[in-house]
Amino acid sequence: MIVCSCNRITEQDLRAAVRGGCPTVDSAYRAMGSEFECGCCRDYAEELVADERRARKPRLVSVTA
């Protein structure tokens, strides 16, 4: 799915950038050699970054004795 039509960034591109170590939308765009143009994609891009970071966050496992 296209996230940013100005820069032709896909959801897959953005998620890969986060997996590659980009913690924010701005850093992910910079890593792809882009920057926000019209800004219409920012909210959706931020949701995707947050979603990907949640998915990659180590989960604590509760151990009962």
N, C-alpha and C. Protein backbone atom coordinates (compact mmCIF):
# COMPACT_ATOMS: atom_id res chain seq x y z
N MET A 1 0.84 -1.18 0.00
CA MET A 1 0.00 0.00 0.00
C MET A 1 0.89 1.24 0.00
N ILE A 2 0.51 2.23 -0.77
CA ILE A 2 1.24 3.50 -0.82
C ILE A 2 0.92 4.32 0.43
N VAL A 3 1.96 4.76 1.11
CA VAL A 3 1.80 5.63 2.27
C VAL A 3 1.96 7.08 1.84
N CYS A 4 2.99 7.32 1.03
CA CYS A 4 3.30 8.68 0.60
C CYS A 4 3.41 8.71 -0.92
N SER A 5 2.44 9.32 -1.56
CA SER A 5 2.47 9.37 -3.02
C SER A 5 3.48 10.41 -3.52
N CYS A 6 3.78 11.43 -2.73
CA CYS A 6 4.77 12.43 -3.15
C CYS A 6 6.14 11.79 -3.32
N ASN A 7 6.50 10.88 -2.40
CA ASN A 7 7.81 10.24 -2.41
C ASN A 7 7.77 8.78 -2.84
N ARG A 8 6.59 8.31 -3.18
CA ARG A 8 6.40 6.90 -3.58
C ARG A 8 6.92 5.94 -2.52
N ILE A 9 6.53 6.18 -1.28
CA ILE A 9 6.93 5.32 -0.16
C ILE A 9 5.77 4.39 0.15
N THR A 10 6.09 3.12 0.26
CA THR A 10 5.07 2.12 0.56
C THR A 10 5.12 1.77 2.05
N GLU A 11 4.06 1.10 2.49
CA GLU A 11 4.02 0.61 3.87
C GLU A 11 5.21 -0.30 4.12
N GLN A 12 5.51 -1.16 3.18
CA GLN A 12 6.64 -2.09 3.31
C GLN A 12 7.96 -1.33 3.46
N ASP A 13 8.15 -0.26 2.67
CA ASP A 13 9.36 0.56 2.78
C ASP A 13 9.50 1.16 4.17
N LEU A 14 8.41 1.71 4.67
CA LEU A 14 8.43 2.39 5.96
C LEU A 14 8.69 1.40 7.09
N ARG A 15 8.01 0.26 7.05
CA ARG A 15 8.24 -0.76 8.09
C ARG A 15 9.67 -1.28 8.05
N ALA A 16 10.23 -1.44 6.86
CA ALA A 16 11.62 -1.90 6.73
C ALA A 16 12.58 -0.88 7.33
N ALA A 17 12.30 0.39 7.14
CA ALA A 17 13.16 1.44 7.71
C ALA A 17 13.13 1.38 9.24
N VAL A 18 11.96 1.15 9.81
CA VAL A 18 11.84 1.04 11.27
C VAL A 18 12.60 -0.20 11.75
N ARG A 19 12.42 -1.31 11.07
CA ARG A 19 13.14 -2.54 11.42
C ARG A 19 14.65 -2.35 11.30
N GLY A 20 15.05 -1.46 10.40
CA GLY A 20 16.46 -1.17 10.20
C GLY A 20 17.04 -0.21 11.23
N GLY A 21 16.22 0.27 12.14
CA GLY A 21 16.72 1.10 13.23
C GLY A 21 16.20 2.52 13.29
N CYS A 22 15.34 2.92 12.37
CA CYS A 22 14.80 4.28 12.40
C CYS A 22 13.68 4.37 13.44
N PRO A 23 13.87 5.18 14.48
CA PRO A 23 12.87 5.23 15.55
C PRO A 23 11.70 6.19 15.29
N THR A 24 11.84 7.07 14.30
CA THR A 24 10.78 8.06 14.04
C THR A 24 10.44 8.11 12.56
N VAL A 25 9.32 8.71 12.26
CA VAL A 25 8.91 8.89 10.87
C VAL A 25 9.93 9.75 10.12
N ASP A 26 10.37 10.82 10.74
CA ASP A 26 11.33 11.71 10.08
C ASP A 26 12.64 10.97 9.76
N SER A 27 13.13 10.18 10.72
CA SER A 27 14.37 9.45 10.46
C SER A 27 14.18 8.39 9.39
N ALA A 28 13.01 7.77 9.35
CA ALA A 28 12.72 6.76 8.32
C ALA A 28 12.69 7.41 6.94
N TYR A 29 12.05 8.54 6.83
CA TYR A 29 12.00 9.25 5.53
C TYR A 29 13.41 9.66 5.11
N ARG A 30 14.20 10.19 6.05
CA ARG A 30 15.58 10.60 5.72
C ARG A 30 16.40 9.39 5.26
N ALA A 31 16.22 8.26 5.92
CA ALA A 31 16.96 7.05 5.56
C ALA A 31 16.62 6.60 4.14
N MET A 32 15.43 6.94 3.68
CA MET A 32 15.02 6.59 2.33
C MET A 32 15.32 7.71 1.34
N GLY A 33 16.03 8.76 1.81
CA GLY A 33 16.40 9.86 0.94
C GLY A 33 15.23 10.78 0.63
N SER A 34 14.26 10.83 1.53
CA SER A 34 13.06 11.63 1.30
C SER A 34 12.80 12.56 2.47
N GLU A 35 11.83 13.42 2.28
CA GLU A 35 11.31 14.26 3.36
C GLU A 35 9.86 14.54 3.04
N PHE A 36 9.12 14.99 4.02
CA PHE A 36 7.70 15.25 3.80
C PHE A 36 7.54 16.39 2.81
N GLU A 37 6.64 16.20 1.88
CA GLU A 37 6.32 17.24 0.90
C GLU A 37 5.02 17.92 1.34
N CYS A 38 3.88 17.31 1.02
CA CYS A 38 2.60 17.93 1.36
C CYS A 38 2.17 17.63 2.80
N GLY A 39 2.68 16.55 3.39
CA GLY A 39 2.38 16.22 4.78
C GLY A 39 1.11 15.43 5.00
N CYS A 40 0.37 15.14 3.95
CA CYS A 40 -0.89 14.40 4.11
C CYS A 40 -0.68 12.99 4.65
N CYS A 41 0.49 12.44 4.47
CA CYS A 41 0.77 11.07 4.88
C CYS A 41 1.28 10.97 6.31
N ARG A 42 1.62 12.08 6.93
CA ARG A 42 2.30 12.05 8.23
C ARG A 42 1.55 11.25 9.28
N ASP A 43 0.26 11.49 9.46
CA ASP A 43 -0.49 10.78 10.49
C ASP A 43 -0.46 9.27 10.28
N TYR A 44 -0.71 8.85 9.06
CA TYR A 44 -0.71 7.42 8.76
C TYR A 44 0.69 6.84 8.93
N ALA A 45 1.70 7.55 8.47
CA ALA A 45 3.08 7.10 8.61
C ALA A 45 3.46 6.95 10.08
N GLU A 46 3.05 7.90 10.91
CA GLU A 46 3.33 7.81 12.34
C GLU A 46 2.64 6.62 12.97
N GLU A 47 1.42 6.32 12.55
CA GLU A 47 0.72 5.13 13.04
C GLU A 47 1.48 3.86 12.68
N LEU A 48 1.97 3.78 11.45
CA LEU A 48 2.72 2.60 11.01
C LEU A 48 4.02 2.44 11.79
N VAL A 49 4.72 3.53 12.02
CA VAL A 49 5.97 3.47 12.79
C VAL A 49 5.68 3.00 14.21
N ALA A 50 4.66 3.55 14.83
CA ALA A 50 4.30 3.13 16.19
C ALA A 50 3.89 1.66 16.22
N ASP A 51 3.14 1.24 15.23
CA ASP A 51 2.72 -0.15 15.14
C ASP A 51 3.92 -1.08 15.00
N GLU A 52 4.84 -0.72 14.14
CA GLU A 52 6.03 -1.55 13.91
C GLU A 52 6.91 -1.58 15.16
N ARG A 53 7.03 -0.47 15.84
CA ARG A 53 7.83 -0.43 17.07
C ARG A 53 7.20 -1.28 18.16
N ARG A 54 5.87 -1.24 18.26
CA ARG A 54 5.18 -2.10 19.24
C ARG A 54 5.41 -3.57 18.92
N ALA A 55 5.36 -3.91 17.66
CA ALA A 55 5.54 -5.31 17.24
C ALA A 55 6.96 -5.79 17.52
N ARG A 56 7.92 -4.90 17.53
CA ARG A 56 9.32 -5.26 17.73
C ARG A 56 9.75 -5.15 19.19
N LYS A 57 8.92 -4.56 20.03
CA LYS A 57 9.27 -4.35 21.43
C LYS A 57 9.31 -5.70 22.14
N PRO A 58 10.38 -5.95 22.90
CA PRO A 58 10.43 -7.21 23.66
C PRO A 58 9.28 -7.27 24.66
N ARG A 59 8.67 -8.39 24.72
CA ARG A 59 7.54 -8.55 25.64
C ARG A 59 8.01 -9.23 26.90
N LEU A 60 7.55 -8.70 28.03
CA LEU A 60 7.87 -9.30 29.32
C LEU A 60 6.92 -10.47 29.54
N VAL A 61 7.48 -11.56 30.00
CA VAL A 61 6.69 -12.74 30.27
C VAL A 61 6.54 -12.88 31.76
N SER A 62 5.32 -13.02 32.20
CA SER A 62 5.05 -13.20 33.61
C SER A 62 5.26 -14.66 33.97
N VAL A 63 6.06 -14.86 35.00
CA VAL A 63 6.33 -16.21 35.47
C VAL A 63 5.75 -16.35 36.86
N THR A 64 4.90 -17.33 37.02
CA THR A 64 4.32 -17.56 38.35
C THR A 64 5.02 -18.73 39.00
N ALA A 65 5.27 -18.58 40.28
CA ALA A 65 6.00 -19.64 41.01
C ALA A 65 5.07 -20.69 41.53
